[in-house]
Amino acid sequence: MAISNLPNYTLPASKFLASITSFVNQLRFKDTLHSTSMVRDFVDNCKVGKVDSGKGIVFTFKKALQPVNDLSTTSSVLTITPPQTAQEIIEIDNYKVIPLSVSRELMYDAVPSGNLVDTFLNYLYSLMEDTKDFYEFDVLVARLFGWTPTQATQTINIDQYDLTNLSGADLRAAQEWNAAEIAKVIRKTINNLSYKSTKYTDVATTMTALNKDQLRLIMNDTYETNFLADAMASLYHNDKVGAMLDGFKKDVLAEDIFTANSQGTTIGFLFDEDKLAMADYYKLQMSFTDASTLFTNSFLHFAYGEGIFENAVGIKFVAKLI
C-alpha cells in the first residue's frame, strides 16, 4: 500500500514483537519529473550555436542566383553585378535565473543514513536543469505555433479520409490510405525543395534549394503514430513506405501539445534545419550559504536568444478531411 500523507503516518507494530514498532529505514528517490528525450531532442535540434561575446549571431542568406549573360563584344568588365543577400539576427535578449534552496545540515534528519545526503542533494539539484530544459522547450514550442506562413504555397493540405463512420475493412483501408498519403505528400514536397523556388519562404523574393539533410520535420504524434501503425506495420512494402520519410532531422511532439495550442489538424512542419533557432550565451551555477538559516541558496543562470528566420524554408502540413 502506498501512503501519501507521511506526516500523519504511524509506524506499524513489528511482526516479530507487537510491543515494538517497525522502523522504515530505506529511502529511494523516484525521478517522476525530468526532461524527456522528446524535450531534449527538440531543444537540441533548435540550437544554432553559442555566443561567447557580443549580442547575437548574424545569419546571411542567398536570395537569388546570379545572371547568366551571352558573350558579347560590347560587354564590359566594369559592369557591377552584386549578389543578392539578406541578413537576420538571433539576438541574445533573454536573461533568466532559476533559484533553489536546500540545507545539507537540516537534511540529515530526513534520511535514515548520512551517506544518502549527497544522493538526495544531487536529486534535488537536478530540478534546476530539468526546469531549464522544459522552459526552453516551452519557449520554442510557443515560437513554433506562433509562426504563420506568409505565402499560400507554404501551407500544404493533405487529404485524409474522415474515419468517423467507418468500421471493419473499410476503416482499415482508409487508415492505411491516410498514412500513405501523408508520406507521399511530404516526400513530394521534399523533392520540390531540391529545386530552386521562391514558394517556400516567408519572403517571397528569396530563392531556395536544399538537400534533404538540410531539412527538419516536426510531426504531430497524432499522425506520426498513425503513420507507423497503419502504413509501416502493414503487410506489404513497409520498408519502401518508411524510406519516404528518412534522411533528415525529425522531431515528434505529443498530440496534447498540438491540441493545447489549437493546432489539432496540423500534421507537422517541414523547416530548414535552422529556421526555428535558439542561440546560447552563458549557463552557470552559483551558490552561497546563509549562516542565519543554514540554507544554501543556489542559482542557475542562463541567457539565450531565439526566433524564426524569415528567409529560411518553412512549410506547414494541414489535414483536410474528405
Protein backbone atom coordinates (compact mmCIF):
# COMPACT_ATOMS: atom_id res chain seq x y z
CA MET A 1 0.00 0.00 0.00
CA ALA A 2 1.36 3.43 -0.95
CA ILE A 3 0.91 6.08 1.72
CA SER A 4 0.76 9.71 0.68
CA ASN A 5 0.16 11.52 3.97
CA LEU A 6 3.58 10.91 5.54
CA PRO A 7 3.40 13.47 8.39
CA ASN A 8 0.39 11.61 9.84
CA TYR A 9 1.78 8.14 9.25
CA THR A 10 2.09 5.92 12.33
CA LEU A 11 4.73 3.20 12.27
CA PRO A 12 3.13 -0.26 12.33
CA ALA A 13 3.80 -2.82 15.04
CA SER A 14 6.58 -5.29 14.46
CA LYS A 15 5.56 -8.67 13.11
CA PHE A 16 8.15 -10.20 15.45
CA LEU A 17 7.08 -8.50 18.65
CA ALA A 18 3.86 -6.48 18.84
CA SER A 19 5.15 -4.28 21.67
CA ILE A 20 7.64 -2.53 19.38
CA THR A 21 7.18 -0.71 16.10
CA SER A 22 8.77 -1.42 12.77
CA PHE A 23 11.42 1.04 11.56
CA VAL A 24 11.24 2.25 7.99
CA ASN A 25 14.87 2.67 7.04
CA GLN A 26 15.01 2.78 3.24
CA LEU A 27 14.71 5.99 1.25
CA ARG A 28 14.61 5.90 -2.52
CA PHE A 29 14.35 8.76 -4.97
CA LYS A 30 11.90 8.40 -7.84
CA ASP A 31 12.56 10.73 -10.75
CA THR A 32 9.00 11.32 -11.94
CA LEU A 33 9.63 14.80 -13.30
CA HIS A 34 12.60 15.18 -15.59
CA SER A 35 13.35 16.39 -19.10
CA THR A 36 12.46 13.60 -21.50
CA SER A 37 14.16 12.71 -24.77
CA MET A 38 11.32 14.46 -26.65
CA VAL A 39 12.09 17.68 -24.79
CA ARG A 40 15.89 17.44 -25.01
CA ASP A 41 16.00 16.40 -28.67
CA PHE A 42 13.60 19.15 -29.75
CA VAL A 43 15.62 21.81 -27.95
CA ASP A 44 18.96 20.42 -29.19
CA ASN A 45 17.71 20.45 -32.79
CA CYS A 46 16.92 24.16 -32.42
CA LYS A 47 20.36 25.13 -31.11
CA VAL A 48 22.40 27.02 -33.73
CA GLY A 49 25.47 27.85 -31.65
CA LYS A 50 26.89 29.54 -28.60
CA VAL A 51 27.69 33.23 -28.41
CA ASP A 52 30.92 33.79 -26.47
CA SER A 53 30.84 37.58 -26.80
CA GLY A 54 28.67 40.18 -28.43
CA LYS A 55 24.89 40.31 -28.65
CA GLY A 56 23.96 37.51 -31.02
CA ILE A 57 24.53 35.64 -34.27
CA VAL A 58 24.09 37.11 -37.75
CA PHE A 59 22.86 34.69 -40.42
CA THR A 60 23.40 35.58 -44.07
CA PHE A 61 21.12 34.14 -46.76
CA LYS A 62 21.47 33.93 -50.53
CA LYS A 63 18.35 35.44 -52.10
CA ALA A 64 18.86 34.67 -55.80
CA LEU A 65 21.22 33.26 -58.40
CA GLN A 66 23.47 35.45 -60.48
CA PRO A 67 22.53 36.32 -64.09
CA VAL A 68 23.88 34.31 -67.00
CA ASN A 69 24.70 36.56 -69.98
CA ASP A 70 25.51 35.89 -73.60
CA LEU A 71 29.07 36.50 -74.64
CA SER A 72 29.25 39.89 -76.31
CA THR A 73 31.97 42.05 -77.81
CA THR A 74 30.30 45.07 -76.23
CA SER A 75 30.31 43.73 -72.66
CA SER A 76 32.38 45.45 -70.03
CA VAL A 77 34.42 44.10 -67.15
CA LEU A 78 33.47 47.25 -65.29
CA THR A 79 29.78 46.36 -65.04
CA ILE A 80 28.89 45.86 -61.39
CA THR A 81 26.70 42.83 -60.60
CA PRO A 82 26.46 42.45 -56.82
CA PRO A 83 24.99 39.32 -55.21
CA GLN A 84 21.55 39.46 -53.65
CA THR A 85 21.77 38.57 -49.97
CA ALA A 86 19.82 39.15 -46.77
CA GLN A 87 20.79 39.06 -43.11
CA GLU A 88 18.84 38.18 -39.99
CA ILE A 89 19.95 38.22 -36.37
CA ILE A 90 19.37 35.96 -33.39
CA GLU A 91 19.81 38.48 -30.57
CA ILE A 92 20.72 37.44 -27.04
CA ASP A 93 17.91 39.20 -25.22
CA ASN A 94 16.69 36.77 -22.57
CA TYR A 95 18.45 36.53 -19.21
CA LYS A 96 16.97 34.03 -16.75
CA VAL A 97 17.75 32.61 -13.32
CA ILE A 98 16.40 29.53 -11.54
CA PRO A 99 16.67 29.53 -7.70
CA LEU A 100 16.83 26.53 -5.38
CA SER A 101 17.32 26.44 -1.60
CA VAL A 102 18.49 23.36 0.32
CA SER A 103 20.12 22.68 3.68
CA ARG A 104 22.65 19.91 3.99
CA GLU A 105 22.70 20.21 7.79
CA LEU A 106 18.92 20.07 8.18
CA MET A 107 18.68 17.27 5.65
CA TYR A 108 20.30 14.73 7.93
CA ASP A 109 17.06 14.23 9.86
CA ALA A 110 15.23 13.40 6.63
CA VAL A 111 17.32 10.40 5.67
CA PRO A 112 17.97 7.13 7.51
CA SER A 113 21.74 7.27 6.88
CA GLY A 114 24.15 10.11 6.36
CA ASN A 115 25.62 8.73 3.13
CA LEU A 116 22.27 9.36 1.43
CA VAL A 117 22.58 13.12 1.87
CA ASP A 118 24.73 13.63 -1.25
CA THR A 119 22.38 11.41 -3.27
CA PHE A 120 19.43 13.43 -2.04
CA LEU A 121 21.18 16.72 -2.83
CA ASN A 122 22.03 15.65 -6.38
CA TYR A 123 18.45 14.53 -6.83
CA LEU A 124 17.18 17.96 -5.78
CA TYR A 125 19.77 19.93 -7.74
CA SER A 126 18.72 18.15 -10.94
CA LEU A 127 15.47 20.10 -10.67
CA MET A 128 17.27 23.21 -11.94
CA GLU A 129 18.47 21.56 -15.16
CA ASP A 130 15.06 19.96 -15.69
CA THR A 131 13.41 23.33 -15.19
CA LYS A 132 15.73 24.95 -17.73
CA ASP A 133 15.09 22.21 -20.32
CA PHE A 134 11.32 22.49 -20.00
CA TYR A 135 11.45 26.28 -20.04
CA GLU A 136 13.45 26.37 -23.28
CA PHE A 137 11.19 23.72 -24.78
CA ASP A 138 8.06 25.73 -23.96
CA VAL A 139 9.60 28.91 -25.39
CA LEU A 140 10.46 27.17 -28.66
CA VAL A 141 7.08 25.44 -28.95
CA ALA A 142 5.34 28.78 -28.44
CA ARG A 143 7.53 30.30 -31.17
CA LEU A 144 6.74 27.37 -33.49
CA PHE A 145 2.98 27.65 -33.09
CA GLY A 146 3.12 31.43 -33.23
CA TRP A 147 4.59 31.22 -36.74
CA THR A 148 2.20 31.99 -39.60
CA PRO A 149 3.25 31.23 -43.20
CA THR A 150 3.11 34.38 -45.33
CA GLN A 151 2.71 32.67 -48.72
CA ALA A 152 -0.23 30.43 -49.60
CA THR A 153 2.21 27.93 -51.09
CA GLN A 154 3.76 27.38 -47.64
CA THR A 155 0.59 25.72 -46.34
CA ILE A 156 0.02 22.31 -47.90
CA ASN A 157 -3.21 20.42 -47.30
CA ILE A 158 -3.02 16.64 -47.11
CA ASP A 159 -6.24 14.78 -47.86
CA GLN A 160 -7.39 12.49 -45.08
CA TYR A 161 -10.47 10.27 -45.07
CA ASP A 162 -12.93 11.02 -42.27
CA LEU A 163 -12.92 7.81 -40.21
CA THR A 164 -15.92 8.69 -38.05
CA ASN A 165 -18.50 6.35 -39.57
CA LEU A 166 -16.17 3.65 -40.87
CA SER A 167 -15.56 0.20 -39.42
CA GLY A 168 -14.04 -3.15 -40.28
CA ALA A 169 -12.21 -3.49 -43.59
CA ASP A 170 -13.31 -0.04 -44.76
CA LEU A 171 -11.79 1.56 -41.65
CA ARG A 172 -8.53 -0.32 -42.06
CA ALA A 173 -8.26 0.56 -45.75
CA ALA A 174 -8.93 4.24 -45.01
CA GLN A 175 -6.35 4.28 -42.21
CA GLU A 176 -3.67 2.84 -44.48
CA TRP A 177 -4.58 5.27 -47.26
CA ASN A 178 -4.37 8.25 -44.88
CA ALA A 179 -0.96 7.19 -43.62
CA ALA A 180 0.42 6.56 -47.10
CA GLU A 181 -0.95 9.91 -48.32
CA ILE A 182 0.98 11.74 -45.59
CA ALA A 183 4.19 10.01 -46.65
CA LYS A 184 3.62 10.72 -50.35
CA VAL A 185 2.82 14.42 -49.96
CA ILE A 186 5.73 15.10 -47.60
CA ARG A 187 8.13 13.20 -49.87
CA LYS A 188 6.95 15.13 -52.95
CA THR A 189 7.39 18.38 -51.05
CA ILE A 190 10.93 17.43 -50.04
CA ASN A 191 11.75 16.67 -53.67
CA ASN A 192 10.29 20.02 -54.76
CA LEU A 193 12.55 21.76 -52.26
CA SER A 194 15.62 20.35 -54.00
CA TYR A 195 14.98 22.63 -56.98
CA LYS A 196 15.19 26.42 -56.95
CA SER A 197 11.99 28.09 -55.88
CA THR A 198 10.63 31.18 -54.15
CA LYS A 199 7.43 29.44 -52.96
CA TYR A 200 8.52 28.17 -49.57
CA THR A 201 9.94 31.05 -47.52
CA ASP A 202 8.28 33.89 -45.62
CA VAL A 203 9.98 36.33 -48.02
CA ALA A 204 8.54 35.86 -51.50
CA THR A 205 11.70 37.17 -53.19
CA THR A 206 14.06 34.68 -51.52
CA MET A 207 15.04 31.71 -53.66
CA THR A 208 15.97 28.40 -52.04
CA ALA A 209 17.17 24.92 -52.99
CA LEU A 210 18.00 22.42 -50.25
CA ASN A 211 19.29 18.90 -49.85
CA LYS A 212 17.23 16.51 -47.75
CA ASP A 213 19.83 16.52 -44.96
CA GLN A 214 19.32 20.27 -44.52
CA LEU A 215 15.68 19.80 -43.54
CA ARG A 216 13.86 19.20 -40.28
CA LEU A 217 10.43 17.57 -39.98
CA ILE A 218 8.36 18.26 -36.85
CA MET A 219 5.43 15.84 -36.64
CA ASN A 220 2.21 15.81 -34.64
CA ASP A 221 2.19 12.43 -32.87
CA THR A 222 -1.49 12.04 -33.75
CA TYR A 223 -0.39 11.47 -37.34
CA GLU A 224 3.08 10.06 -36.68
CA THR A 225 1.75 7.16 -34.64
CA ASN A 226 -0.98 6.52 -37.20
CA PHE A 227 1.66 6.51 -39.94
CA LEU A 228 3.77 3.95 -38.09
CA ALA A 229 0.79 1.78 -37.16
CA ASP A 230 -1.19 1.99 -40.38
CA ALA A 231 1.46 2.19 -43.08
CA MET A 232 4.73 0.91 -41.65
CA ALA A 233 3.03 -2.02 -39.91
CA SER A 234 1.04 -3.05 -42.99
CA LEU A 235 1.97 -6.38 -44.51
CA TYR A 236 3.43 -5.22 -47.80
CA HIS A 237 6.17 -2.75 -48.69
CA ASN A 238 6.59 -1.21 -45.23
CA ASP A 239 10.29 -0.72 -45.90
CA LYS A 240 9.56 1.33 -49.02
CA VAL A 241 6.97 3.46 -47.25
CA GLY A 242 9.37 4.09 -44.38
CA ALA A 243 12.15 5.14 -46.74
CA MET A 244 9.96 8.01 -47.92
CA LEU A 245 10.47 9.87 -44.65
CA ASP A 246 14.10 9.49 -43.66
CA GLY A 247 17.42 11.21 -44.20
CA PHE A 248 16.71 14.39 -42.23
CA LYS A 249 16.23 15.64 -38.68
CA LYS A 250 12.90 14.62 -37.23
CA ASP A 251 11.05 15.58 -34.06
CA VAL A 252 7.75 14.18 -32.82
CA LEU A 253 5.70 16.32 -30.44
CA ALA A 254 2.92 14.84 -28.31
CA GLU A 255 -0.61 15.38 -29.63
CA ASP A 256 -1.53 17.13 -26.35
CA ILE A 257 0.92 19.90 -27.26
CA PHE A 258 -0.74 20.46 -30.64
CA THR A 259 -4.21 20.34 -29.08
CA ALA A 260 -3.27 22.80 -26.32
CA ASN A 261 -2.06 25.23 -28.99
CA SER A 262 -5.21 24.83 -31.15
CA GLN A 263 -3.22 23.01 -33.83
CA GLY A 264 -5.05 19.68 -33.74
CA THR A 265 -5.39 19.44 -37.53
CA THR A 266 -1.74 20.33 -38.13
CA ILE A 267 0.10 17.23 -39.33
CA GLY A 268 3.51 18.82 -38.99
CA PHE A 269 6.07 21.33 -40.16
CA LEU A 270 8.90 20.98 -42.67
CA PHE A 271 11.62 23.53 -41.95
CA ASP A 272 15.11 24.44 -42.95
CA GLU A 273 17.06 22.87 -40.08
CA ASP A 274 17.95 26.34 -38.76
CA LYS A 275 14.62 28.14 -39.26
CA LEU A 276 13.46 27.67 -35.67
CA ALA A 277 16.59 28.72 -33.84
CA MET A 278 17.97 29.25 -30.35
CA ALA A 279 21.43 30.58 -29.51
CA ASP A 280 23.05 30.14 -26.09
CA TYR A 281 25.09 32.81 -24.34
CA TYR A 282 26.05 31.59 -20.87
CA LYS A 283 25.00 28.95 -18.36
CA LEU A 284 26.48 28.98 -14.88
CA GLN A 285 25.52 27.96 -11.38
CA MET A 286 26.47 29.85 -8.23
CA SER A 287 25.53 29.46 -4.59
CA PHE A 288 26.10 30.81 -1.08
CA THR A 289 25.19 29.56 2.39
CA ASP A 290 23.10 31.77 4.65
CA ALA A 291 24.64 31.37 8.10
CA SER A 292 21.44 32.56 9.80
CA THR A 293 19.24 29.82 8.32
CA LEU A 294 21.70 27.03 7.36
CA PHE A 295 20.21 27.05 3.86
CA THR A 296 22.36 27.14 0.74
CA ASN A 297 20.75 29.25 -1.96
CA SER A 298 21.77 28.16 -5.45
CA PHE A 299 21.07 29.93 -8.72
CA LEU A 300 21.27 28.57 -12.25
CA HIS A 301 21.79 31.47 -14.65
CA PHE A 302 21.31 31.17 -18.39
CA ALA A 303 20.89 33.53 -21.30
CA TYR A 304 19.72 32.92 -24.83
CA GLY A 305 18.16 34.32 -27.97
CA GLU A 306 15.53 32.63 -30.13
CA GLY A 307 13.41 33.25 -33.18
CA ILE A 308 12.33 32.16 -36.63
CA PHE A 309 14.29 33.15 -39.74
CA GLU A 310 12.02 34.56 -42.42
CA ASN A 311 14.43 33.80 -45.27
CA ALA A 312 14.61 30.09 -44.40
CA VAL A 313 12.25 27.45 -45.77
CA GLY A 314 9.10 26.84 -43.74
CA ILE A 315 6.11 24.66 -44.68
CA LYS A 316 3.04 23.67 -42.70
CA PHE A 317 1.09 20.48 -43.42
CA VAL A 318 -2.60 20.52 -42.52
CA ALA A 319 -5.10 17.65 -42.59
CA LYS A 320 -8.04 18.16 -44.97
CA LEU A 321 -10.93 15.79 -44.33
CA ILE A 322 -12.54 14.27 -47.40
